[in-house]
Amino acid sequence: MTHPTAGDKAICKAQLLQLAREIEIETNIRRMEIARERFSLKTDSVVVEAGHGRGV
């Protein structure tokens, strides 16, 4: 087994950083989707409550 060179380490580090960025992006997208779903549920319930009992 050979020892990794400085170049090998740099490539590995760059790949790990790229993977971390991709994971962060995916995580942020999922968080936005969850927030959008929660906001949608809240606005739907507000519309229902606002219309409740007013003959709308």
C-alpha atoms as a PDB file:
ATOM      1  CA  MET A   1       0.000   0.000   0.000  1.00  0.00           C
ATOM      2  CA  THR A   2       1.371   3.397  -0.956  1.00  0.00           C
ATOM      3  CA  HIS A   3       1.200   6.501   1.171  1.00  0.00           C
ATOM      4  CA  PRO A   4      -0.998   9.279  -0.186  1.00  0.00           C
ATOM      5  CA  THR A   5       0.875  12.215  -1.641  1.00  0.00           C
ATOM      6  CA  ALA A   6       0.087  15.859  -0.964  1.00  0.00           C
ATOM      7  CA  GLY A   7      -1.698  15.937  -4.327  1.00  0.00           C
ATOM      8  CA  ASP A   8      -3.803  12.903  -3.413  1.00  0.00           C
ATOM      9  CA  LYS A   9      -4.727  14.529  -0.110  1.00  0.00           C
ATOM     10  CA  ALA A  10      -5.671  17.777  -1.849  1.00  0.00           C
ATOM     11  CA  ILE A  11      -7.890  15.928  -4.330  1.00  0.00           C
ATOM     12  CA  CYS A  12      -9.531  13.966  -1.513  1.00  0.00           C
ATOM     13  CA  LYS A  13     -10.102  17.151   0.478  1.00  0.00           C
ATOM     14  CA  ALA A  14     -11.610  18.878  -2.564  1.00  0.00           C
ATOM     15  CA  GLN A  15     -13.934  15.921  -3.137  1.00  0.00           C
ATOM     16  CA  LEU A  16     -15.027  15.952   0.500  1.00  0.00           C
ATOM     17  CA  LEU A  17     -15.684  19.701   0.362  1.00  0.00           C
ATOM     18  CA  GLN A  18     -17.727  19.264  -2.819  1.00  0.00           C
ATOM     19  CA  LEU A  19     -19.730  16.469  -1.203  1.00  0.00           C
ATOM     20  CA  ALA A  20     -20.318  18.632   1.875  1.00  0.00           C
ATOM     21  CA  ARG A  21     -21.580  21.483  -0.350  1.00  0.00           C
ATOM     22  CA  GLU A  22     -23.943  19.127  -2.174  1.00  0.00           C
ATOM     23  CA  ILE A  23     -25.291  17.766   1.111  1.00  0.00           C
ATOM     24  CA  GLU A  24     -25.753  21.303   2.443  1.00  0.00           C
ATOM     25  CA  ILE A  25     -27.648  22.311  -0.704  1.00  0.00           C
ATOM     26  CA  GLU A  26     -29.888  19.238  -0.507  1.00  0.00           C
ATOM     27  CA  THR A  27     -30.513  19.886   3.187  1.00  0.00           C
ATOM     28  CA  ASN A  28     -31.421  23.524   2.520  1.00  0.00           C
ATOM     29  CA  ILE A  29     -33.773  22.521  -0.293  1.00  0.00           C
ATOM     30  CA  ARG A  30     -35.506  20.033   2.004  1.00  0.00           C
ATOM     31  CA  ARG A  31     -35.790  22.646   4.766  1.00  0.00           C
ATOM     32  CA  MET A  32     -37.385  25.081   2.320  1.00  0.00           C
ATOM     33  CA  GLU A  33     -39.842  22.395   1.189  1.00  0.00           C
ATOM     34  CA  ILE A  34     -40.805  21.656   4.795  1.00  0.00           C
ATOM     35  CA  ALA A  35     -41.173  25.366   5.573  1.00  0.00           C
ATOM     36  CA  ARG A  36     -43.324  25.843   2.456  1.00  0.00           C
ATOM     37  CA  GLU A  37     -45.548  22.906   3.471  1.00  0.00           C
ATOM     38  CA  ARG A  38     -45.954  24.265   7.007  1.00  0.00           C
ATOM     39  CA  PHE A  39     -46.666  27.771   5.728  1.00  0.00           C
ATOM     40  CA  SER A  40     -49.195  26.375   3.260  1.00  0.00           C
ATOM     41  CA  LEU A  41     -50.943  24.427   6.015  1.00  0.00           C
ATOM     42  CA  LYS A  42     -51.054  27.529   8.231  1.00  0.00           C
ATOM     43  CA  THR A  43     -52.435  29.770   5.485  1.00  0.00           C
ATOM     44  CA  ASP A  44     -55.006  27.113   4.549  1.00  0.00           C
ATOM     45  CA  SER A  45     -56.199  26.937   8.155  1.00  0.00           C
ATOM     46  CA  VAL A  46     -56.348  30.746   8.404  1.00  0.00           C
ATOM     47  CA  VAL A  47     -58.529  30.881   5.292  1.00  0.00           C
ATOM     48  CA  VAL A  48     -60.835  28.218   6.721  1.00  0.00           C
ATOM     49  CA  GLU A  49     -61.046  29.993  10.087  1.00  0.00           C
ATOM     50  CA  ALA A  50     -61.653  33.368   8.455  1.00  0.00           C
ATOM     51  CA  GLY A  51     -64.488  31.948   6.387  1.00  0.00           C
ATOM     52  CA  HIS A  52     -65.988  29.905   9.205  1.00  0.00           C
ATOM     53  CA  GLY A  53     -69.377  31.101  10.346  1.00  0.00           C
ATOM     54  CA  ARG A  54     -69.561  34.030   7.985  1.00  0.00           C
ATOM     55  CA  GLY A  55     -71.537  32.404   5.238  1.00  0.00           C
ATOM     56  CA  VAL A  56     -68.565  32.409   2.899  1.00  0.00           C
END
